[in-house]
N, C-alpha and C. Protein backbone atom coordinates (compact mmCIF):
# COMPACT_ATOMS: atom_id res chain seq x y z
N UNK A 1 0.86 -1.18 0.00
CA UNK A 1 0.00 0.00 0.00
C UNK A 1 0.90 1.24 0.00
N UNK A 2 0.67 2.20 -0.89
CA UNK A 2 1.50 3.41 -0.92
C UNK A 2 1.35 4.20 0.38
N UNK A 3 2.39 4.96 0.72
CA UNK A 3 2.40 5.74 1.96
C UNK A 3 1.24 6.72 2.02
N UNK A 4 0.90 7.38 0.89
CA UNK A 4 -0.20 8.34 0.92
C UNK A 4 -1.51 7.66 1.25
N UNK A 5 -1.69 6.42 0.83
CA UNK A 5 -2.93 5.68 1.12
C UNK A 5 -3.01 5.36 2.61
N UNK A 6 -1.86 5.00 3.21
CA UNK A 6 -1.84 4.73 4.65
C UNK A 6 -2.17 6.00 5.41
N UNK A 7 -1.58 7.11 5.00
CA UNK A 7 -1.84 8.39 5.67
C UNK A 7 -3.32 8.75 5.57
N UNK A 8 -3.92 8.56 4.41
CA UNK A 8 -5.34 8.86 4.25
C UNK A 8 -6.21 7.91 5.07
N UNK A 9 -5.83 6.64 5.11
CA UNK A 9 -6.59 5.65 5.87
C UNK A 9 -6.55 5.98 7.36
N UNK A 10 -5.35 6.30 7.88
CA UNK A 10 -5.21 6.67 9.30
C UNK A 10 -6.00 7.94 9.58
N UNK A 11 -5.97 8.89 8.66
CA UNK A 11 -6.68 10.15 8.85
C UNK A 11 -8.18 9.99 9.01
N UNK A 12 -8.75 8.96 8.42
CA UNK A 12 -10.19 8.71 8.52
C UNK A 12 -10.59 8.51 9.98
N UNK A 13 -9.71 7.92 10.78
CA UNK A 13 -10.02 7.60 12.17
C UNK A 13 -9.48 8.63 13.16
N UNK A 14 -8.93 9.72 12.67
CA UNK A 14 -8.33 10.71 13.55
C UNK A 14 -9.41 11.50 14.29
N UNK A 15 -9.21 11.68 15.58
CA UNK A 15 -10.08 12.54 16.37
C UNK A 15 -9.38 13.89 16.48
N UNK A 16 -10.06 14.93 16.09
CA UNK A 16 -9.49 16.27 16.14
C UNK A 16 -9.84 16.94 17.46
N UNK A 17 -8.99 17.87 17.89
CA UNK A 17 -9.26 18.64 19.10
C UNK A 17 -10.52 19.48 18.87
N UNK A 18 -10.57 20.16 17.74
CA UNK A 18 -11.74 20.97 17.37
C UNK A 18 -12.01 20.73 15.89
N UNK A 19 -13.27 20.50 15.58
CA UNK A 19 -13.65 20.32 14.18
C UNK A 19 -14.93 21.10 13.90
N UNK A 20 -14.86 21.94 12.87
CA UNK A 20 -16.03 22.66 12.36
C UNK A 20 -16.46 21.97 11.07
N UNK A 21 -17.72 21.67 10.94
CA UNK A 21 -18.26 21.08 9.72
C UNK A 21 -19.34 21.99 9.18
N UNK A 22 -18.97 22.82 8.20
CA UNK A 22 -19.90 23.73 7.53
C UNK A 22 -20.62 24.64 8.53
N UNK A 23 -19.86 25.22 9.46
CA UNK A 23 -20.42 26.04 10.55
C UNK A 23 -20.81 27.42 10.05
N UNK A 24 -21.99 27.85 10.47
CA UNK A 24 -22.48 29.19 10.16
C UNK A 24 -23.07 29.82 11.41
N UNK A 25 -22.94 31.16 11.49
CA UNK A 25 -23.60 31.92 12.55
C UNK A 25 -24.10 33.21 11.93
N UNK A 26 -25.41 33.37 11.99
CA UNK A 26 -26.05 34.56 11.44
C UNK A 26 -26.56 35.44 12.57
N UNK A 27 -26.47 36.74 12.36
CA UNK A 27 -27.10 37.73 13.23
C UNK A 27 -28.06 38.51 12.34
N UNK A 28 -29.30 38.08 12.30
CA UNK A 28 -30.24 38.68 11.35
C UNK A 28 -29.79 38.35 9.94
N UNK A 29 -29.55 39.38 9.14
CA UNK A 29 -29.08 39.20 7.76
C UNK A 29 -27.55 39.15 7.65
N UNK A 30 -26.86 39.39 8.76
CA UNK A 30 -25.39 39.42 8.75
C UNK A 30 -24.83 38.01 8.94
N UNK A 31 -23.98 37.60 8.01
CA UNK A 31 -23.32 36.29 8.10
C UNK A 31 -21.96 36.48 8.76
N UNK A 32 -21.92 36.30 10.08
CA UNK A 32 -20.65 36.47 10.81
C UNK A 32 -19.70 35.33 10.50
N UNK A 33 -20.23 34.12 10.39
CA UNK A 33 -19.46 32.93 10.02
C UNK A 33 -20.30 32.21 8.98
N UNK A 34 -19.68 31.86 7.85
CA UNK A 34 -20.46 31.33 6.73
C UNK A 34 -19.81 30.08 6.15
N UNK A 35 -20.30 28.90 6.54
CA UNK A 35 -19.85 27.65 5.95
C UNK A 35 -18.41 27.28 6.24
N UNK A 36 -17.94 27.52 7.46
CA UNK A 36 -16.55 27.23 7.82
C UNK A 36 -16.38 25.76 8.16
N UNK A 37 -15.40 25.13 7.53
CA UNK A 37 -15.03 23.75 7.84
C UNK A 37 -13.53 23.72 8.11
N UNK A 38 -13.16 23.36 9.33
CA UNK A 38 -11.75 23.24 9.72
C UNK A 38 -11.61 22.04 10.65
N UNK A 39 -10.41 21.50 10.71
CA UNK A 39 -10.10 20.41 11.63
C UNK A 39 -8.73 20.70 12.24
N UNK A 40 -8.71 20.88 13.56
CA UNK A 40 -7.49 21.23 14.27
C UNK A 40 -7.06 20.03 15.11
N UNK A 41 -5.85 19.55 14.87
CA UNK A 41 -5.34 18.39 15.60
C UNK A 41 -4.96 18.77 17.03
N UNK A 42 -5.02 17.80 17.92
CA UNK A 42 -4.59 18.00 19.30
C UNK A 42 -3.11 18.39 19.31
N UNK A 43 -2.78 19.49 19.96
CA UNK A 43 -1.41 19.97 20.04
C UNK A 43 -0.96 20.82 18.87
N UNK A 44 -1.79 20.94 17.87
CA UNK A 44 -1.45 21.72 16.68
C UNK A 44 -1.54 23.21 17.01
N UNK A 45 -0.59 23.98 16.50
CA UNK A 45 -0.63 25.43 16.61
C UNK A 45 -1.48 25.95 15.47
N UNK A 46 -2.51 26.71 15.78
CA UNK A 46 -3.45 27.17 14.77
C UNK A 46 -3.71 28.65 14.98
N UNK A 47 -3.67 29.42 13.91
CA UNK A 47 -3.98 30.85 13.97
C UNK A 47 -5.10 31.16 13.00
N UNK A 48 -5.98 32.04 13.43
CA UNK A 48 -7.05 32.51 12.57
C UNK A 48 -6.84 34.01 12.40
N UNK A 49 -6.56 34.42 11.18
CA UNK A 49 -6.27 35.82 10.90
C UNK A 49 -7.36 36.43 10.06
N UNK A 50 -7.65 37.70 10.32
CA UNK A 50 -8.64 38.41 9.52
C UNK A 50 -8.91 39.77 10.13
N UNK A 51 -9.50 40.65 9.35
CA UNK A 51 -9.80 41.99 9.85
C UNK A 51 -10.91 41.96 10.91
N UNK A 52 -11.06 43.06 11.58
CA UNK A 52 -12.13 43.21 12.56
C UNK A 52 -13.47 42.92 11.89
N UNK A 53 -14.29 42.12 12.57
CA UNK A 53 -15.61 41.80 12.03
C UNK A 53 -15.64 40.61 11.09
N UNK A 54 -14.51 39.90 10.95
CA UNK A 54 -14.47 38.78 10.00
C UNK A 54 -14.93 37.45 10.58
N UNK A 55 -15.25 37.41 11.89
CA UNK A 55 -15.81 36.20 12.48
C UNK A 55 -14.87 35.41 13.37
N UNK A 56 -13.66 35.92 13.63
CA UNK A 56 -12.70 35.19 14.46
C UNK A 56 -13.24 34.98 15.88
N UNK A 57 -13.66 36.04 16.51
CA UNK A 57 -14.19 35.95 17.88
C UNK A 57 -15.46 35.13 17.91
N UNK A 58 -16.29 35.26 16.91
CA UNK A 58 -17.52 34.45 16.85
C UNK A 58 -17.18 32.97 16.80
N UNK A 59 -16.15 32.59 16.04
CA UNK A 59 -15.74 31.18 16.00
C UNK A 59 -15.31 30.70 17.39
N UNK A 60 -14.54 31.51 18.10
CA UNK A 60 -14.12 31.14 19.45
C UNK A 60 -15.32 31.02 20.38
N UNK A 61 -16.27 31.94 20.26
CA UNK A 61 -17.47 31.90 21.10
C UNK A 61 -18.33 30.69 20.76
N UNK A 62 -18.34 30.27 19.51
CA UNK A 62 -19.06 29.05 19.12
C UNK A 62 -18.41 27.82 19.74
N UNK A 63 -17.08 27.76 19.73
CA UNK A 63 -16.38 26.63 20.35
C UNK A 63 -16.70 26.57 21.84
N UNK A 64 -16.66 27.72 22.50
CA UNK A 64 -16.90 27.77 23.95
C UNK A 64 -18.36 27.54 24.31
N UNK A 65 -19.26 27.70 23.34
CA UNK A 65 -20.68 27.52 23.62
C UNK A 65 -21.38 28.79 24.05
N UNK A 66 -20.71 29.94 23.88
CA UNK A 66 -21.31 31.22 24.24
C UNK A 66 -22.23 31.74 23.15
N UNK A 67 -22.15 31.16 21.97
CA UNK A 67 -23.02 31.49 20.84
C UNK A 67 -23.63 30.19 20.32
N UNK A 68 -24.81 30.28 19.74
CA UNK A 68 -25.47 29.12 19.16
C UNK A 68 -25.23 29.09 17.65
N UNK A 69 -25.05 27.90 17.12
CA UNK A 69 -24.88 27.73 15.68
C UNK A 69 -26.15 28.09 14.93
N UNK A 70 -25.98 28.66 13.75
CA UNK A 70 -27.10 28.82 12.83
C UNK A 70 -27.15 27.63 11.88
N UNK A 71 -26.01 26.98 11.70
CA UNK A 71 -25.94 25.80 10.84
C UNK A 71 -24.62 25.09 11.02
N UNK A 72 -24.57 23.84 10.60
CA UNK A 72 -23.35 23.05 10.70
C UNK A 72 -23.22 22.36 12.04
N UNK A 73 -22.00 21.88 12.32
CA UNK A 73 -21.75 21.14 13.56
C UNK A 73 -20.33 21.40 14.05
N UNK A 74 -20.17 21.33 15.37
CA UNK A 74 -18.86 21.46 16.01
C UNK A 74 -18.63 20.23 16.87
N UNK A 75 -17.41 19.67 16.78
CA UNK A 75 -17.01 18.57 17.65
C UNK A 75 -15.76 18.98 18.41
N UNK A 76 -15.68 18.57 19.67
CA UNK A 76 -14.50 18.82 20.50
C UNK A 76 -13.99 17.46 20.95
N UNK A 77 -12.78 17.10 20.51
CA UNK A 77 -12.20 15.79 20.77
C UNK A 77 -13.16 14.67 20.41
N UNK A 78 -13.81 14.82 19.25
CA UNK A 78 -14.68 13.78 18.72
C UNK A 78 -16.08 13.76 19.29
N UNK A 79 -16.36 14.60 20.28
CA UNK A 79 -17.69 14.64 20.88
C UNK A 79 -18.49 15.77 20.26
N UNK A 80 -19.66 15.47 19.71
CA UNK A 80 -20.50 16.55 19.18
C UNK A 80 -20.78 17.57 20.27
N UNK A 81 -20.47 18.84 19.99
CA UNK A 81 -20.59 19.88 21.01
C UNK A 81 -21.66 20.92 20.68
N UNK A 82 -22.29 20.80 19.53
CA UNK A 82 -23.22 21.83 19.09
C UNK A 82 -24.33 22.10 20.09
N UNK A 83 -24.76 21.09 20.83
CA UNK A 83 -25.85 21.26 21.79
C UNK A 83 -25.40 21.19 23.24
N UNK A 84 -24.08 21.15 23.49
CA UNK A 84 -23.58 21.12 24.86
C UNK A 84 -23.51 22.53 25.43
N UNK A 85 -23.92 22.73 26.68
CA UNK A 85 -23.76 24.05 27.31
C UNK A 85 -22.27 24.32 27.58
N UNK A 86 -21.89 25.58 27.76
CA UNK A 86 -20.47 25.92 27.95
C UNK A 86 -19.79 25.14 29.07
N UNK A 87 -20.46 24.91 30.17
CA UNK A 87 -19.83 24.25 31.32
C UNK A 87 -19.59 22.76 31.09
N UNK A 88 -20.15 22.19 30.03
CA UNK A 88 -19.91 20.78 29.73
C UNK A 88 -18.88 20.59 28.60
N UNK A 89 -18.30 21.68 28.14
CA UNK A 89 -17.25 21.61 27.11
C UNK A 89 -15.91 21.74 27.81
N UNK A 90 -14.98 20.92 27.46
CA UNK A 90 -13.67 20.95 28.10
C UNK A 90 -12.76 21.94 27.37
N UNK A 91 -13.18 23.21 27.37
CA UNK A 91 -12.40 24.27 26.73
C UNK A 91 -12.34 25.46 27.68
N UNK A 92 -11.37 26.32 27.47
CA UNK A 92 -11.23 27.55 28.25
C UNK A 92 -11.10 28.71 27.29
N UNK A 93 -11.51 29.87 27.75
CA UNK A 93 -11.47 31.07 26.93
C UNK A 93 -10.80 32.19 27.71
N UNK A 94 -9.86 32.87 27.07
CA UNK A 94 -9.27 34.08 27.64
C UNK A 94 -9.82 35.23 26.81
N UNK A 95 -10.52 36.12 27.46
CA UNK A 95 -11.20 37.20 26.76
C UNK A 95 -10.26 38.37 26.49
N UNK A 96 -10.50 39.06 25.39
CA UNK A 96 -9.74 40.25 25.05
C UNK A 96 -10.06 41.36 26.04
N UNK A 97 -11.32 41.50 26.37
CA UNK A 97 -11.74 42.48 27.36
C UNK A 97 -11.76 41.80 28.72
N UNK A 98 -11.76 42.60 29.75
CA UNK A 98 -11.78 42.04 31.10
C UNK A 98 -13.03 41.20 31.31
N UNK A 99 -12.85 40.05 31.90
CA UNK A 99 -13.97 39.16 32.20
C UNK A 99 -13.84 38.70 33.65
N UNK A 100 -13.73 39.67 34.54
CA UNK A 100 -13.58 39.38 35.96
C UNK A 100 -14.90 39.63 36.67
N UNK A 101 -15.04 38.98 37.81
CA UNK A 101 -16.20 39.23 38.66
C UNK A 101 -15.78 40.28 39.68
N UNK A 102 -16.28 41.52 39.56
CA UNK A 102 -15.81 42.60 40.43
C UNK A 102 -16.14 42.39 41.91
N UNK A 103 -17.12 41.57 42.21
CA UNK A 103 -17.50 41.32 43.61
C UNK A 103 -16.65 40.23 44.25
N UNK A 104 -15.74 39.62 43.48
CA UNK A 104 -14.92 38.52 43.99
C UNK A 104 -13.46 38.97 44.10
N UNK A 105 -12.72 38.34 45.02
CA UNK A 105 -11.29 38.63 45.17
C UNK A 105 -10.53 38.10 43.95
N UNK A 106 -9.27 38.52 43.83
CA UNK A 106 -8.42 38.02 42.76
C UNK A 106 -8.32 36.50 42.86
N UNK A 107 -8.10 36.01 44.08
CA UNK A 107 -7.97 34.58 44.30
C UNK A 107 -9.22 33.84 43.84
N UNK A 108 -10.39 34.35 44.19
CA UNK A 108 -11.64 33.69 43.80
C UNK A 108 -11.87 33.77 42.29
N UNK A 109 -11.45 34.87 41.65
CA UNK A 109 -11.56 34.97 40.20
C UNK A 109 -10.69 33.91 39.53
N UNK A 110 -9.47 33.74 40.02
CA UNK A 110 -8.56 32.74 39.44
C UNK A 110 -9.09 31.33 39.69
N UNK A 111 -9.70 31.12 40.85
CA UNK A 111 -10.19 29.79 41.23
C UNK A 111 -11.58 29.49 40.67
N UNK A 112 -12.19 30.42 39.97
CA UNK A 112 -13.57 30.26 39.53
C UNK A 112 -13.79 28.99 38.69
N UNK A 113 -12.92 28.74 37.75
CA UNK A 113 -13.07 27.54 36.90
C UNK A 113 -13.03 26.26 37.71
N UNK A 114 -12.20 26.25 38.75
CA UNK A 114 -12.13 25.07 39.63
C UNK A 114 -13.42 24.91 40.43
N UNK A 115 -14.02 26.05 40.82
CA UNK A 115 -15.28 26.00 41.54
C UNK A 115 -16.37 25.39 40.65
N UNK A 116 -16.40 25.82 39.39
CA UNK A 116 -17.39 25.29 38.45
C UNK A 116 -17.21 23.79 38.27
N UNK A 117 -15.96 23.33 38.31
CA UNK A 117 -15.67 21.89 38.18
C UNK A 117 -15.95 21.11 39.46
N UNK A 118 -16.30 21.81 40.56
CA UNK A 118 -16.66 21.12 41.80
C UNK A 118 -15.51 20.87 42.77
N UNK A 119 -14.37 21.53 42.55
CA UNK A 119 -13.23 21.38 43.47
C UNK A 119 -13.56 22.11 44.77
N UNK A 120 -13.27 21.48 45.92
CA UNK A 120 -13.62 22.11 47.20
C UNK A 120 -12.81 23.39 47.41
N UNK A 121 -13.35 24.28 48.25
CA UNK A 121 -12.80 25.63 48.41
C UNK A 121 -11.34 25.63 48.84
N UNK A 122 -10.98 24.82 49.82
CA UNK A 122 -9.61 24.80 50.31
C UNK A 122 -8.63 24.39 49.21
N UNK A 123 -8.98 23.34 48.47
CA UNK A 123 -8.10 22.85 47.41
C UNK A 123 -8.01 23.86 46.26
N UNK A 124 -9.14 24.43 45.86
CA UNK A 124 -9.09 25.37 44.72
C UNK A 124 -8.33 26.64 45.10
N UNK A 125 -8.46 27.10 46.36
CA UNK A 125 -7.70 28.28 46.78
C UNK A 125 -6.21 27.98 46.79
N UNK A 126 -5.82 26.80 47.23
CA UNK A 126 -4.41 26.42 47.22
C UNK A 126 -3.88 26.36 45.79
N UNK A 127 -4.65 25.79 44.89
CA UNK A 127 -4.23 25.69 43.48
C UNK A 127 -4.15 27.08 42.83
N UNK A 128 -5.13 27.93 43.13
CA UNK A 128 -5.13 29.29 42.57
C UNK A 128 -3.97 30.09 43.13
N UNK A 129 -3.70 29.94 44.43
CA UNK A 129 -2.57 30.64 45.06
C UNK A 129 -1.26 30.23 44.39
N UNK A 130 -1.10 28.94 44.15
CA UNK A 130 0.11 28.45 43.49
C UNK A 130 0.25 29.04 42.09
N UNK A 131 -0.85 29.11 41.35
CA UNK A 131 -0.82 29.68 40.00
C UNK A 131 -0.46 31.16 40.05
N UNK A 132 -1.02 31.88 41.00
CA UNK A 132 -0.72 33.31 41.12
C UNK A 132 0.74 33.55 41.49
N UNK A 133 1.28 32.71 42.34
CA UNK A 133 2.69 32.85 42.72
C UNK A 133 3.61 32.60 41.53
N UNK A 134 3.22 31.71 40.63
CA UNK A 134 4.02 31.42 39.44
C UNK A 134 4.13 32.63 38.53
N UNK A 135 3.14 33.51 38.56
CA UNK A 135 3.16 34.71 37.71
C UNK A 135 3.39 35.97 38.54
N UNK A 136 3.96 35.79 39.75
CA UNK A 136 4.34 36.90 40.63
C UNK A 136 3.16 37.74 41.09
N UNK A 137 1.99 37.13 41.27
CA UNK A 137 0.83 37.83 41.82
C UNK A 137 0.45 37.28 43.19
N UNK A 138 1.35 36.53 43.81
CA UNK A 138 1.06 35.90 45.08
C UNK A 138 0.68 36.86 46.19
N UNK A 139 1.15 38.10 46.11
CA UNK A 139 0.86 39.07 47.17
C UNK A 139 -0.51 39.72 47.01
N UNK A 140 -1.21 39.46 45.93
CA UNK A 140 -2.49 40.12 45.64
C UNK A 140 -3.70 39.25 45.94
N UNK A 141 -3.55 38.27 46.80
CA UNK A 141 -4.61 37.27 46.91
C UNK A 141 -5.44 37.36 48.18
N UNK A 142 -5.51 38.50 48.79
CA UNK A 142 -6.33 38.62 50.01
C UNK A 142 -7.77 38.26 49.70
N UNK A 143 -8.37 37.46 50.58
CA UNK A 143 -9.76 37.04 50.35
C UNK A 143 -10.71 37.84 51.19
């Protein structure tokens, strides 16, 4: 069997980290994302480039579950994600604008994802404290 045939055969069974299959997102008459199909391998470095308003952020919000599809399908590690709520998707999002809870301490903001996952308060605070110390914010964690 030629090498290209083996590569194609193996590719049929590959599970991608993120896969878009003809994904669309409409806002009224505006097509923010129109028929996008991509497959990103686990560990692959991927960049999406385009001018403001070209749908980059909308694609990220679709992956995270913050936006609903108008058409197509999204899979995350082989699991159909189109109908999963954000908290059931194993993805994280870092926002361009601030996305902090102003009523919570820095420590609680950092530990928020662990709280959503059900980690007990003592353990999540210890983990968040360790993360903050790694980035030299250990002194800012008063609760």
